[in-house]
Amino acid sequence: MSAEILKLSDYRINDGVDSEIDLATAVDVAIRDLREILMCWGSDTARQRVEECESTLQRAYSGFVGVQTVSQ
């Protein structure tokens, strides 16, 4: 029996910087990214994942804060 190991980055969708992402999805993606980062710590791939993770969380947080401000 054999299994093919797939990395999450193989299926990553390039969502534009301007697109919105909800906070729960951003946290889920960040957790997965952090697992991948730990497996390749110190590499260029890890650095790229950190930058993507930070960007995703910043966009989601900004969207969340904006919604909270409008609803108050």
N, C-alpha and C. Protein backbone atom coordinates (compact mmCIF):
# COMPACT_ATOMS: atom_id res chain seq x y z
N MET A 1 0.85 -1.17 0.00
CA MET A 1 0.00 0.00 0.00
C MET A 1 0.90 1.24 0.00
N SER A 2 0.53 2.22 -0.79
CA SER A 2 1.30 3.46 -0.81
C SER A 2 0.34 4.64 -0.70
N ALA A 3 0.88 5.72 -0.25
CA ALA A 3 0.07 6.93 -0.11
C ALA A 3 0.84 8.11 -0.66
N GLU A 4 0.13 9.00 -1.25
CA GLU A 4 0.74 10.22 -1.74
C GLU A 4 0.51 11.31 -0.70
N ILE A 5 1.58 11.94 -0.29
CA ILE A 5 1.48 13.00 0.70
C ILE A 5 1.38 14.33 -0.03
N LEU A 6 0.31 15.05 0.25
CA LEU A 6 0.07 16.33 -0.40
C LEU A 6 0.26 17.45 0.60
N LYS A 7 0.94 18.49 0.18
CA LYS A 7 1.10 19.66 1.04
C LYS A 7 -0.07 20.60 0.78
N LEU A 8 -0.49 21.30 1.81
CA LEU A 8 -1.58 22.25 1.65
C LEU A 8 -1.25 23.30 0.60
N SER A 9 0.01 23.66 0.50
CA SER A 9 0.39 24.68 -0.47
C SER A 9 0.15 24.22 -1.90
N ASP A 10 0.04 22.91 -2.13
CA ASP A 10 -0.26 22.40 -3.47
C ASP A 10 -1.64 22.84 -3.93
N TYR A 11 -2.50 23.15 -2.98
CA TYR A 11 -3.89 23.51 -3.29
C TYR A 11 -4.23 24.93 -2.91
N ARG A 12 -3.23 25.72 -2.60
CA ARG A 12 -3.45 27.10 -2.18
C ARG A 12 -4.02 27.92 -3.33
N ILE A 13 -5.07 28.64 -3.04
CA ILE A 13 -5.68 29.51 -4.04
C ILE A 13 -5.10 30.90 -3.85
N ASN A 14 -4.68 31.51 -4.92
CA ASN A 14 -4.13 32.85 -4.83
C ASN A 14 -5.27 33.84 -4.77
N ASP A 15 -5.72 34.13 -3.55
CA ASP A 15 -6.80 35.11 -3.40
C ASP A 15 -6.16 36.49 -3.33
N GLY A 16 -6.65 37.39 -4.13
CA GLY A 16 -6.05 38.71 -4.25
C GLY A 16 -5.99 39.44 -2.93
N VAL A 17 -5.08 40.37 -2.83
CA VAL A 17 -4.88 41.13 -1.60
C VAL A 17 -6.15 41.87 -1.19
N ASP A 18 -6.96 42.27 -2.17
CA ASP A 18 -8.15 43.06 -1.86
C ASP A 18 -9.35 42.21 -1.43
N SER A 19 -9.29 40.91 -1.62
CA SER A 19 -10.44 40.08 -1.27
C SER A 19 -10.55 39.92 0.24
N GLU A 20 -11.77 39.72 0.71
CA GLU A 20 -12.02 39.57 2.13
C GLU A 20 -11.99 38.10 2.51
N ILE A 21 -11.61 37.84 3.74
CA ILE A 21 -11.61 36.49 4.29
C ILE A 21 -12.13 36.60 5.71
N ASP A 22 -13.01 35.68 6.09
CA ASP A 22 -13.56 35.78 7.44
C ASP A 22 -12.52 35.32 8.47
N LEU A 23 -12.67 35.78 9.69
CA LEU A 23 -11.69 35.55 10.74
C LEU A 23 -11.51 34.06 11.04
N ALA A 24 -12.58 33.30 11.09
CA ALA A 24 -12.48 31.87 11.38
C ALA A 24 -11.68 31.14 10.30
N THR A 25 -11.92 31.47 9.04
CA THR A 25 -11.17 30.85 7.95
C THR A 25 -9.71 31.24 8.03
N ALA A 26 -9.44 32.50 8.33
CA ALA A 26 -8.05 32.97 8.42
C ALA A 26 -7.29 32.23 9.52
N VAL A 27 -7.94 32.03 10.65
CA VAL A 27 -7.29 31.31 11.75
C VAL A 27 -7.04 29.86 11.35
N ASP A 28 -8.01 29.23 10.70
CA ASP A 28 -7.85 27.85 10.25
C ASP A 28 -6.67 27.73 9.28
N VAL A 29 -6.60 28.63 8.32
CA VAL A 29 -5.51 28.62 7.34
C VAL A 29 -4.18 28.89 8.04
N ALA A 30 -4.16 29.82 8.99
CA ALA A 30 -2.92 30.14 9.71
C ALA A 30 -2.40 28.94 10.48
N ILE A 31 -3.28 28.20 11.12
CA ILE A 31 -2.88 27.00 11.86
C ILE A 31 -2.23 26.00 10.92
N ARG A 32 -2.84 25.79 9.77
CA ARG A 32 -2.28 24.86 8.79
C ARG A 32 -0.94 25.36 8.27
N ASP A 33 -0.86 26.67 7.99
CA ASP A 33 0.40 27.25 7.53
C ASP A 33 1.50 27.07 8.57
N LEU A 34 1.17 27.31 9.84
CA LEU A 34 2.17 27.18 10.89
C LEU A 34 2.69 25.75 10.99
N ARG A 35 1.84 24.77 10.80
CA ARG A 35 2.29 23.37 10.79
C ARG A 35 3.29 23.14 9.66
N GLU A 36 2.97 23.68 8.48
CA GLU A 36 3.87 23.53 7.34
C GLU A 36 5.18 24.27 7.58
N ILE A 37 5.11 25.44 8.18
CA ILE A 37 6.30 26.24 8.47
C ILE A 37 7.23 25.46 9.40
N LEU A 38 6.67 24.83 10.41
CA LEU A 38 7.49 24.07 11.35
C LEU A 38 8.24 22.92 10.68
N MET A 39 7.64 22.34 9.64
CA MET A 39 8.28 21.22 8.94
C MET A 39 9.45 21.68 8.09
N CYS A 40 9.47 22.93 7.67
CA CYS A 40 10.55 23.40 6.80
C CYS A 40 11.20 24.66 7.37
N TRP A 41 11.29 24.71 8.69
CA TRP A 41 11.81 25.87 9.41
C TRP A 41 13.18 26.30 8.85
N GLY A 42 13.35 27.58 8.65
CA GLY A 42 14.61 28.13 8.19
C GLY A 42 14.77 28.20 6.68
N SER A 43 13.82 27.66 5.95
CA SER A 43 13.92 27.66 4.48
C SER A 43 13.20 28.88 3.90
N ASP A 44 13.43 29.10 2.61
CA ASP A 44 12.73 30.18 1.90
C ASP A 44 11.22 29.91 1.87
N THR A 45 10.86 28.64 1.77
CA THR A 45 9.44 28.27 1.77
C THR A 45 8.78 28.67 3.09
N ALA A 46 9.47 28.43 4.19
CA ALA A 46 8.92 28.80 5.51
C ALA A 46 8.74 30.31 5.61
N ARG A 47 9.72 31.05 5.13
CA ARG A 47 9.63 32.52 5.18
C ARG A 47 8.46 33.02 4.34
N GLN A 48 8.27 32.42 3.16
CA GLN A 48 7.15 32.80 2.30
C GLN A 48 5.83 32.50 2.99
N ARG A 49 5.72 31.33 3.63
CA ARG A 49 4.48 30.97 4.33
C ARG A 49 4.19 31.94 5.47
N VAL A 50 5.24 32.36 6.18
CA VAL A 50 5.06 33.31 7.28
C VAL A 50 4.48 34.62 6.74
N GLU A 51 5.03 35.09 5.62
CA GLU A 51 4.53 36.33 5.03
C GLU A 51 3.08 36.19 4.58
N GLU A 52 2.74 35.05 3.96
CA GLU A 52 1.36 34.81 3.53
C GLU A 52 0.42 34.72 4.72
N CYS A 53 0.86 34.03 5.75
CA CYS A 53 0.06 33.86 6.96
C CYS A 53 -0.22 35.22 7.61
N GLU A 54 0.82 36.04 7.73
CA GLU A 54 0.66 37.36 8.31
C GLU A 54 -0.32 38.21 7.50
N SER A 55 -0.18 38.19 6.19
CA SER A 55 -1.05 38.97 5.32
C SER A 55 -2.51 38.53 5.44
N THR A 56 -2.72 37.23 5.45
CA THR A 56 -4.09 36.69 5.58
C THR A 56 -4.71 37.11 6.90
N LEU A 57 -3.96 36.97 7.99
CA LEU A 57 -4.49 37.35 9.30
C LEU A 57 -4.74 38.85 9.40
N GLN A 58 -3.86 39.66 8.81
CA GLN A 58 -4.07 41.11 8.83
C GLN A 58 -5.34 41.50 8.09
N ARG A 59 -5.56 40.90 6.90
CA ARG A 59 -6.77 41.20 6.13
C ARG A 59 -8.02 40.78 6.89
N ALA A 60 -7.99 39.59 7.47
CA ALA A 60 -9.17 39.10 8.19
C ALA A 60 -9.44 39.96 9.42
N TYR A 61 -8.40 40.31 10.15
CA TYR A 61 -8.58 41.13 11.34
C TYR A 61 -9.11 42.52 10.99
N SER A 62 -8.55 43.10 9.93
CA SER A 62 -9.03 44.43 9.49
C SER A 62 -10.50 44.36 9.11
N GLY A 63 -10.88 43.32 8.39
CA GLY A 63 -12.29 43.14 8.02
C GLY A 63 -13.18 42.95 9.22
N PHE A 64 -12.71 42.17 10.19
CA PHE A 64 -13.47 41.90 11.41
C PHE A 64 -13.65 43.19 12.22
N VAL A 65 -12.58 43.95 12.39
CA VAL A 65 -12.64 45.18 13.15
C VAL A 65 -13.57 46.18 12.44
N GLY A 66 -13.49 46.23 11.11
CA GLY A 66 -14.37 47.12 10.35
C GLY A 66 -15.83 46.78 10.54
N VAL A 67 -16.16 45.50 10.54
CA VAL A 67 -17.54 45.06 10.75
C VAL A 67 -17.99 45.38 12.17
N GLN A 68 -17.11 45.17 13.15
CA GLN A 68 -17.46 45.46 14.54
C GLN A 68 -17.71 46.95 14.74
N THR A 69 -16.92 47.77 14.09
CA THR A 69 -17.07 49.23 14.22
C THR A 69 -18.39 49.68 13.60
N VAL A 70 -18.73 49.14 12.45
CA VAL A 70 -19.96 49.52 11.75
C VAL A 70 -21.19 49.07 12.54
N SER A 71 -21.13 47.90 13.15
CA SER A 71 -22.31 47.36 13.84
C SER A 71 -22.54 47.99 15.22
N GLN A 72 -21.59 48.75 15.72
CA GLN A 72 -21.77 49.36 17.04
C GLN A 72 -22.50 50.65 16.98
